[in-house]
PDB file of all heavy atoms in Angstrom:
ATOM      1  N   SER A   1      -1.609   4.036  -7.211  1.00  0.00           N
ATOM      2  CA  SER A   1      -1.037   5.377  -7.043  1.00  0.00           C
ATOM      3  C   SER A   1      -1.963   6.445  -7.603  1.00  0.00           C
ATOM      4  O   SER A   1      -1.539   7.336  -8.341  1.00  0.00           O
ATOM      5  CB  SER A   1       0.336   5.449  -7.740  1.00  0.00           C
ATOM      6  OG  SER A   1       1.216   4.479  -7.221  1.00  0.00           O
ATOM      7  N   LEU A   2      -3.212   6.350  -7.226  1.00  0.00           N
ATOM      8  CA  LEU A   2      -4.208   7.262  -7.772  1.00  0.00           C
ATOM      9  C   LEU A   2      -3.945   8.697  -7.344  1.00  0.00           C
ATOM     10  O   LEU A   2      -3.462   8.963  -6.228  1.00  0.00           O
ATOM     11  CB  LEU A   2      -5.603   6.826  -7.353  1.00  0.00           C
ATOM     12  CG  LEU A   2      -6.141   5.626  -8.145  1.00  0.00           C
ATOM     13  CD1 LEU A   2      -7.301   4.960  -7.416  1.00  0.00           C
ATOM     14  CD2 LEU A   2      -6.565   6.063  -9.542  1.00  0.00           C
ATOM     15  N   LYS A   3      -4.279   9.606  -8.254  1.00  0.00           N
ATOM     16  CA  LYS A   3      -4.087  11.032  -8.037  1.00  0.00           C
ATOM     17  C   LYS A   3      -5.438  11.742  -8.137  1.00  0.00           C
ATOM     18  O   LYS A   3      -6.348  11.245  -8.803  1.00  0.00           O
ATOM     19  CB  LYS A   3      -3.153  11.596  -9.101  1.00  0.00           C
ATOM     20  CG  LYS A   3      -1.809  10.902  -9.195  1.00  0.00           C
ATOM     21  CD  LYS A   3      -1.001  11.459 -10.357  1.00  0.00           C
ATOM     22  CE  LYS A   3       0.340  10.761 -10.488  1.00  0.00           C
ATOM     23  NZ  LYS A   3       1.130  11.298 -11.634  1.00  0.00           N
ATOM     24  N   PRO A   4      -5.561  12.905  -7.525  1.00  0.00           N
ATOM     25  CA  PRO A   4      -6.833  13.641  -7.647  1.00  0.00           C
ATOM     26  C   PRO A   4      -7.227  13.888  -9.101  1.00  0.00           C
ATOM     27  O   PRO A   4      -8.422  13.877  -9.423  1.00  0.00           O
ATOM     28  CB  PRO A   4      -6.541  14.944  -6.905  1.00  0.00           C
ATOM     29  CG  PRO A   4      -5.527  14.562  -5.875  1.00  0.00           C
ATOM     30  CD  PRO A   4      -4.659  13.537  -6.556  1.00  0.00           C
ATOM     31  N   GLU A   5      -6.257  14.062  -9.971  1.00  0.00           N
ATOM     32  CA  GLU A   5      -6.572  14.303 -11.383  1.00  0.00           C
ATOM     33  C   GLU A   5      -7.086  13.061 -12.108  1.00  0.00           C
ATOM     34  O   GLU A   5      -7.497  13.146 -13.261  1.00  0.00           O
ATOM     35  CB  GLU A   5      -5.359  14.869 -12.128  1.00  0.00           C
ATOM     36  CG  GLU A   5      -4.082  14.087 -11.951  1.00  0.00           C
ATOM     37  CD  GLU A   5      -3.194  14.673 -10.859  1.00  0.00           C
ATOM     38  OE1 GLU A   5      -3.724  15.035  -9.777  1.00  0.00           O
ATOM     39  OE2 GLU A   5      -1.969  14.747 -11.090  1.00  0.00           O
ATOM     40  N   ASP A   6      -7.091  11.926 -11.438  1.00  0.00           N
ATOM     41  CA  ASP A   6      -7.701  10.720 -12.004  1.00  0.00           C
ATOM     42  C   ASP A   6      -9.210  10.688 -11.768  1.00  0.00           C
ATOM     43  O   ASP A   6      -9.902   9.805 -12.274  1.00  0.00           O
ATOM     44  CB  ASP A   6      -7.082   9.459 -11.394  1.00  0.00           C
ATOM     45  CG  ASP A   6      -5.621   9.286 -11.760  1.00  0.00           C
ATOM     46  OD1 ASP A   6      -5.262   9.523 -12.924  1.00  0.00           O
ATOM     47  OD2 ASP A   6      -4.844   8.892 -10.869  1.00  0.00           O
ATOM     48  N   THR A   7      -9.713  11.638 -11.013  1.00  0.00           N
ATOM     49  CA  THR A   7     -11.145  11.698 -10.732  1.00  0.00           C
ATOM     50  C   THR A   7     -11.929  11.892 -12.026  1.00  0.00           C
ATOM     51  O   THR A   7     -11.668  12.820 -12.788  1.00  0.00           O
ATOM     52  CB  THR A   7     -11.454  12.838  -9.756  1.00  0.00           C
ATOM     53  OG1 THR A   7     -10.847  12.551  -8.495  1.00  0.00           O
ATOM     54  CG2 THR A   7     -12.952  13.009  -9.572  1.00  0.00           C
ATOM     55  N   ALA A   8     -12.874  11.000 -12.277  1.00  0.00           N
ATOM     56  CA  ALA A   8     -13.662  11.037 -13.512  1.00  0.00           C
ATOM     57  C   ALA A   8     -14.681   9.900 -13.483  1.00  0.00           C
ATOM     58  O   ALA A   8     -14.615   9.018 -12.622  1.00  0.00           O
ATOM     59  CB  ALA A   8     -12.765  10.889 -14.738  1.00  0.00           C
ATOM     60  N   VAL A   9     -15.570   9.934 -14.449  1.00  0.00           N
ATOM     61  CA  VAL A   9     -16.396   8.764 -14.729  1.00  0.00           C
ATOM     62  C   VAL A   9     -15.614   7.905 -15.719  1.00  0.00           C
ATOM     63  O   VAL A   9     -15.167   8.400 -16.753  1.00  0.00           O
ATOM     64  CB  VAL A   9     -17.764   9.157 -15.318  1.00  0.00           C
ATOM     65  CG1 VAL A   9     -18.566   7.904 -15.671  1.00  0.00           C
ATOM     66  CG2 VAL A   9     -18.535  10.027 -14.330  1.00  0.00           C
ATOM     67  N   TYR A  10     -15.454   6.642 -15.376  1.00  0.00           N
ATOM     68  CA  TYR A  10     -14.698   5.721 -16.220  1.00  0.00           C
ATOM     69  C   TYR A  10     -15.659   4.838 -17.008  1.00  0.00           C
ATOM     70  O   TYR A  10     -16.595   4.264 -16.443  1.00  0.00           O
ATOM     71  CB  TYR A  10     -13.772   4.863 -15.362  1.00  0.00           C
ATOM     72  CG  TYR A  10     -12.547   5.612 -14.908  1.00  0.00           C
ATOM     73  CD1 TYR A  10     -12.636   6.636 -13.972  1.00  0.00           C
ATOM     74  CD2 TYR A  10     -11.299   5.316 -15.444  1.00  0.00           C
ATOM     75  CE1 TYR A  10     -11.512   7.347 -13.579  1.00  0.00           C
ATOM     76  CE2 TYR A  10     -10.157   6.014 -15.044  1.00  0.00           C
ATOM     77  CZ  TYR A  10     -10.280   7.026 -14.121  1.00  0.00           C
ATOM     78  OH  TYR A  10      -9.158   7.729 -13.731  1.00  0.00           O
ATOM     79  N   TYR A  11     -15.400   4.757 -18.307  1.00  0.00           N
ATOM     80  CA  TYR A  11     -16.247   3.995 -19.211  1.00  0.00           C
ATOM     81  C   TYR A  11     -15.475   2.850 -19.844  1.00  0.00           C
ATOM     82  O   TYR A  11     -14.308   3.004 -20.228  1.00  0.00           O
ATOM     83  CB  TYR A  11     -16.776   4.880 -20.328  1.00  0.00           C
ATOM     84  CG  TYR A  11     -17.659   6.008 -19.882  1.00  0.00           C
ATOM     85  CD1 TYR A  11     -17.130   7.249 -19.565  1.00  0.00           C
ATOM     86  CD2 TYR A  11     -19.041   5.829 -19.763  1.00  0.00           C
ATOM     87  CE1 TYR A  11     -17.942   8.296 -19.154  1.00  0.00           C
ATOM     88  CE2 TYR A  11     -19.857   6.869 -19.350  1.00  0.00           C
ATOM     89  CZ  TYR A  11     -19.302   8.094 -19.056  1.00  0.00           C
ATOM     90  OH  TYR A  11     -20.117   9.122 -18.644  1.00  0.00           O
ATOM     91  N   CYS A  12     -16.157   1.750 -19.988  1.00  0.00           N
ATOM     92  CA  CYS A  12     -15.651   0.611 -20.741  1.00  0.00           C
ATOM     93  C   CYS A  12     -16.341   0.625 -22.105  1.00  0.00           C
ATOM     94  O   CYS A  12     -17.538   0.916 -22.197  1.00  0.00           O
ATOM     95  CB  CYS A  12     -15.981  -0.674 -19.986  1.00  0.00           C
ATOM     96  SG  CYS A  12     -15.621  -2.188 -20.871  1.00  0.00           S
ATOM     97  N   ALA A  13     -15.596   0.329 -23.143  1.00  0.00           N
ATOM     98  CA  ALA A  13     -16.147   0.328 -24.492  1.00  0.00           C
ATOM     99  C   ALA A  13     -15.620  -0.877 -25.255  1.00  0.00           C
ATOM    100  O   ALA A  13     -14.521  -1.365 -24.976  1.00  0.00           O
ATOM    101  CB  ALA A  13     -15.781   1.616 -25.218  1.00  0.00           C
ATOM    102  N   ALA A  14     -16.403  -1.352 -26.213  1.00  0.00           N
ATOM    103  CA  ALA A  14     -16.004  -2.534 -26.968  1.00  0.00           C
ATOM    104  C   ALA A  14     -16.294  -2.357 -28.454  1.00  0.00           C
ATOM    105  O   ALA A  14     -17.212  -1.635 -28.844  1.00  0.00           O
ATOM    106  CB  ALA A  14     -16.733  -3.775 -26.444  1.00  0.00           C
ATOM    107  N   THR A  15     -15.492  -3.043 -29.258  1.00  0.00           N
ATOM    108  CA  THR A  15     -15.711  -3.095 -30.699  1.00  0.00           C
ATOM    109  C   THR A  15     -15.313  -4.474 -31.194  1.00  0.00           C
ATOM    110  O   THR A  15     -14.365  -5.070 -30.667  1.00  0.00           O
ATOM    111  CB  THR A  15     -14.903  -2.021 -31.439  1.00  0.00           C
ATOM    112  OG1 THR A  15     -15.063  -2.218 -32.857  1.00  0.00           O
ATOM    113  CG2 THR A  15     -13.420  -2.108 -31.104  1.00  0.00           C
ATOM    114  N   TYR A  16     -16.035  -4.972 -32.194  1.00  0.00           N
ATOM    115  CA  TYR A  16     -15.685  -6.255 -32.776  1.00  0.00           C
ATOM    116  C   TYR A  16     -14.512  -6.131 -33.741  1.00  0.00           C
ATOM    117  O   TYR A  16     -13.989  -7.131 -34.215  1.00  0.00           O
ATOM    118  CB  TYR A  16     -16.884  -6.870 -33.490  1.00  0.00           C
ATOM    119  CG  TYR A  16     -17.921  -7.416 -32.553  1.00  0.00           C
ATOM    120  CD1 TYR A  16     -19.195  -6.880 -32.501  1.00  0.00           C
ATOM    121  CD2 TYR A  16     -17.614  -8.478 -31.696  1.00  0.00           C
ATOM    122  CE1 TYR A  16     -20.150  -7.373 -31.624  1.00  0.00           C
ATOM    123  CE2 TYR A  16     -18.563  -8.984 -30.820  1.00  0.00           C
ATOM    124  CZ  TYR A  16     -19.827  -8.427 -30.790  1.00  0.00           C
ATOM    125  OH  TYR A  16     -20.762  -8.933 -29.925  1.00  0.00           O
ATOM    126  N   ARG A  17     -14.099  -4.930 -34.013  1.00  0.00           N
ATOM    127  CA  ARG A  17     -12.955  -4.749 -34.895  1.00  0.00           C
ATOM    128  C   ARG A  17     -11.683  -5.143 -34.168  1.00  0.00           C
ATOM    129  O   ARG A  17     -11.549  -4.964 -32.957  1.00  0.00           O
ATOM    130  CB  ARG A  17     -12.891  -3.307 -35.372  1.00  0.00           C
ATOM    131  CG  ARG A  17     -14.090  -2.916 -36.235  1.00  0.00           C
ATOM    132  CD  ARG A  17     -14.062  -1.458 -36.567  1.00  0.00           C
ATOM    133  NE  ARG A  17     -12.877  -1.104 -37.330  1.00  0.00           N
ATOM    134  CZ  ARG A  17     -12.485   0.133 -37.539  1.00  0.00           C
ATOM    135  NH1 ARG A  17     -13.179   1.139 -37.045  1.00  0.00           N
ATOM    136  NH2 ARG A  17     -11.409   0.383 -38.258  1.00  0.00           N
ATOM    137  N   ALA A  18     -10.752  -5.692 -34.917  1.00  0.00           N
ATOM    138  CA  ALA A  18      -9.513  -6.182 -34.328  1.00  0.00           C
ATOM    139  C   ALA A  18      -8.677  -5.033 -33.778  1.00  0.00           C
ATOM    140  O   ALA A  18      -8.667  -3.928 -34.320  1.00  0.00           O
ATOM    141  CB  ALA A  18      -8.708  -6.957 -35.365  1.00  0.00           C
ATOM    142  N   TYR A  19      -7.973  -5.332 -32.707  1.00  0.00           N
ATOM    143  CA  TYR A  19      -7.141  -4.346 -32.025  1.00  0.00           C
ATOM    144  C   TYR A  19      -6.189  -3.645 -32.981  1.00  0.00           C
ATOM    145  O   TYR A  19      -6.007  -2.429 -32.930  1.00  0.00           O
ATOM    146  CB  TYR A  19      -6.365  -5.083 -30.930  1.00  0.00           C
ATOM    147  CG  TYR A  19      -5.398  -4.235 -30.155  1.00  0.00           C
ATOM    148  CD1 TYR A  19      -5.818  -3.505 -29.056  1.00  0.00           C
ATOM    149  CD2 TYR A  19      -4.046  -4.193 -30.510  1.00  0.00           C
ATOM    150  CE1 TYR A  19      -4.925  -2.738 -28.332  1.00  0.00           C
ATOM    151  CE2 TYR A  19      -3.156  -3.427 -29.791  1.00  0.00           C
ATOM    152  CZ  TYR A  19      -3.601  -2.718 -28.698  1.00  0.00           C
ATOM    153  OH  TYR A  19      -2.709  -1.953 -27.993  1.00  0.00           O
ATOM    154  N   GLY A  20      -5.586  -4.394 -33.865  1.00  0.00           N
ATOM    155  CA  GLY A  20      -4.595  -3.814 -34.762  1.00  0.00           C
ATOM    156  C   GLY A  20      -5.179  -2.998 -35.896  1.00  0.00           C
ATOM    157  O   GLY A  20      -4.438  -2.344 -36.634  1.00  0.00           O
ATOM    158  N   SER A  21      -6.521  -3.006 -36.025  1.00  0.00           N
ATOM    159  CA  SER A  21      -7.146  -2.319 -37.149  1.00  0.00           C
ATOM    160  C   SER A  21      -7.832  -1.025 -36.740  1.00  0.00           C
ATOM    161  O   SER A  21      -8.433  -0.364 -37.578  1.00  0.00           O
ATOM    162  CB  SER A  21      -8.174  -3.236 -37.817  1.00  0.00           C
ATOM    163  OG  SER A  21      -9.295  -3.421 -36.967  1.00  0.00           O
ATOM    164  N   ILE A  22      -7.766  -0.670 -35.473  1.00  0.00           N
ATOM    165  CA  ILE A  22      -8.459   0.535 -35.029  1.00  0.00           C
ATOM    166  C   ILE A  22      -7.470   1.513 -34.400  1.00  0.00           C
ATOM    167  O   ILE A  22      -6.365   1.151 -34.001  1.00  0.00           O
ATOM    168  CB  ILE A  22      -9.567   0.213 -33.997  1.00  0.00           C
ATOM    169  CG1 ILE A  22      -8.956  -0.315 -32.687  1.00  0.00           C
ATOM    170  CG2 ILE A  22     -10.565  -0.780 -34.574  1.00  0.00           C
ATOM    171  CD1 ILE A  22      -9.970  -0.412 -31.556  1.00  0.00           C
ATOM    172  N   ARG A  23      -7.889   2.758 -34.367  1.00  0.00           N
ATOM    173  CA  ARG A  23      -7.151   3.769 -33.609  1.00  0.00           C
ATOM    174  C   ARG A  23      -7.726   3.710 -32.196  1.00  0.00           C
ATOM    175  O   ARG A  23      -8.704   4.395 -31.891  1.00  0.00           O
ATOM    176  CB  ARG A  23      -7.304   5.125 -34.277  1.00  0.00           C
ATOM    177  CG  ARG A  23      -6.531   5.205 -35.595  1.00  0.00           C
ATOM    178  CD  ARG A  23      -6.977   6.371 -36.435  1.00  0.00           C
ATOM    179  NE  ARG A  23      -8.331   6.180 -36.937  1.00  0.00           N
ATOM    180  CZ  ARG A  23      -8.953   7.005 -37.747  1.00  0.00           C
ATOM    181  NH1 ARG A  23      -8.333   8.110 -38.164  1.00  0.00           N
ATOM    182  NH2 ARG A  23     -10.180   6.761 -38.150  1.00  0.00           N
ATOM    183  N   TYR A  24      -7.139   2.873 -31.372  1.00  0.00           N
ATOM    184  CA  TYR A  24      -7.715   2.457 -30.093  1.00  0.00           C
ATOM    185  C   TYR A  24      -7.939   3.620 -29.140  1.00  0.00           C
ATOM    186  O   TYR A  24      -8.677   3.498 -28.178  1.00  0.00           O
ATOM    187  CB  TYR A  24      -6.810   1.418 -29.428  1.00  0.00           C
ATOM    188  CG  TYR A  24      -5.371   1.843 -29.361  1.00  0.00           C
ATOM    189  CD1 TYR A  24      -4.922   2.721 -28.396  1.00  0.00           C
ATOM    190  CD2 TYR A  24      -4.454   1.381 -30.300  1.00  0.00           C
ATOM    191  CE1 TYR A  24      -3.614   3.132 -28.360  1.00  0.00           C
ATOM    192  CE2 TYR A  24      -3.125   1.781 -30.264  1.00  0.00           C
ATOM    193  CZ  TYR A  24      -2.716   2.664 -29.295  1.00  0.00           C
ATOM    194  OH  TYR A  24      -1.409   3.083 -29.265  1.00  0.00           O
ATOM    195  N   HIS A  25      -7.299   4.750 -29.375  1.00  0.00           N
ATOM    196  CA  HIS A  25      -7.400   5.865 -28.451  1.00  0.00           C
ATOM    197  C   HIS A  25      -8.559   6.804 -28.792  1.00  0.00           C
ATOM    198  O   HIS A  25      -8.800   7.769 -28.068  1.00  0.00           O
ATOM    199  CB  HIS A  25      -6.095   6.669 -28.447  1.00  0.00           C
ATOM    200  CG  HIS A  25      -5.766   7.286 -29.772  1.00  0.00           C
ATOM    201  ND1 HIS A  25      -5.355   6.539 -30.860  1.00  0.00           N
ATOM    202  CD2 HIS A  25      -5.797   8.572 -30.187  1.00  0.00           C
ATOM    203  CE1 HIS A  25      -5.138   7.332 -31.876  1.00  0.00           C
ATOM    204  NE2 HIS A  25      -5.399   8.573 -31.506  1.00  0.00           N
ATOM    205  N   LEU A  26      -9.283   6.505 -29.881  1.00  0.00           N
ATOM    206  CA  LEU A  26     -10.374   7.376 -30.297  1.00  0.00           C
ATOM    207  C   LEU A  26     -11.721   6.787 -29.914  1.00  0.00           C
ATOM    208  O   LEU A  26     -12.041   5.641 -30.284  1.00  0.00           O
ATOM    209  CB  LEU A  26     -10.322   7.592 -31.813  1.00  0.00           C
ATOM    210  CG  LEU A  26      -9.080   8.322 -32.311  1.00  0.00           C
ATOM    211  CD1 LEU A  26      -9.083   8.409 -33.824  1.00  0.00           C
ATOM    212  CD2 LEU A  26      -8.977   9.702 -31.687  1.00  0.00           C
ATOM    213  N   PRO A  27     -12.558   7.517 -29.191  1.00  0.00           N
ATOM    214  CA  PRO A  27     -13.849   6.974 -28.738  1.00  0.00           C
ATOM    215  C   PRO A  27     -14.734   6.461 -29.868  1.00  0.00           C
ATOM    216  O   PRO A  27     -15.438   5.462 -29.683  1.00  0.00           O
ATOM    217  CB  PRO A  27     -14.494   8.168 -28.027  1.00  0.00           C
ATOM    218  CG  PRO A  27     -13.353   9.011 -27.561  1.00  0.00           C
ATOM    219  CD  PRO A  27     -12.317   8.874 -28.653  1.00  0.00           C
ATOM    220  N   TYR A  28     -14.730   7.108 -31.020  1.00  0.00           N
ATOM    221  CA  TYR A  28     -15.664   6.712 -32.078  1.00  0.00           C
ATOM    222  C   TYR A  28     -15.293   5.382 -32.729  1.00  0.00           C
ATOM    223  O   TYR A  28     -16.077   4.850 -33.515  1.00  0.00           O
ATOM    224  CB  TYR A  28     -15.810   7.808 -33.130  1.00  0.00           C
ATOM    225  CG  TYR A  28     -14.570   8.152 -33.918  1.00  0.00           C
ATOM    226  CD1 TYR A  28     -14.090   7.304 -34.911  1.00  0.00           C
ATOM    227  CD2 TYR A  28     -13.895   9.341 -33.701  1.00  0.00           C
ATOM    228  CE1 TYR A  28     -12.962   7.633 -35.642  1.00  0.00           C
ATOM    229  CE2 TYR A  28     -12.758   9.675 -34.422  1.00  0.00           C
ATOM    230  CZ  TYR A  28     -12.300   8.816 -35.387  1.00  0.00           C
ATOM    231  OH  TYR A  28     -11.190   9.143 -36.104  1.00  0.00           O
TER     232      TYR A  28
END
């Protein structure tokens, strides 16, 4: 159900830190 406002460059990012230990919504 893609919308025009979904237009963007999409990036994948990884960290070795555990999911529960990070603020997952912050790029840094």
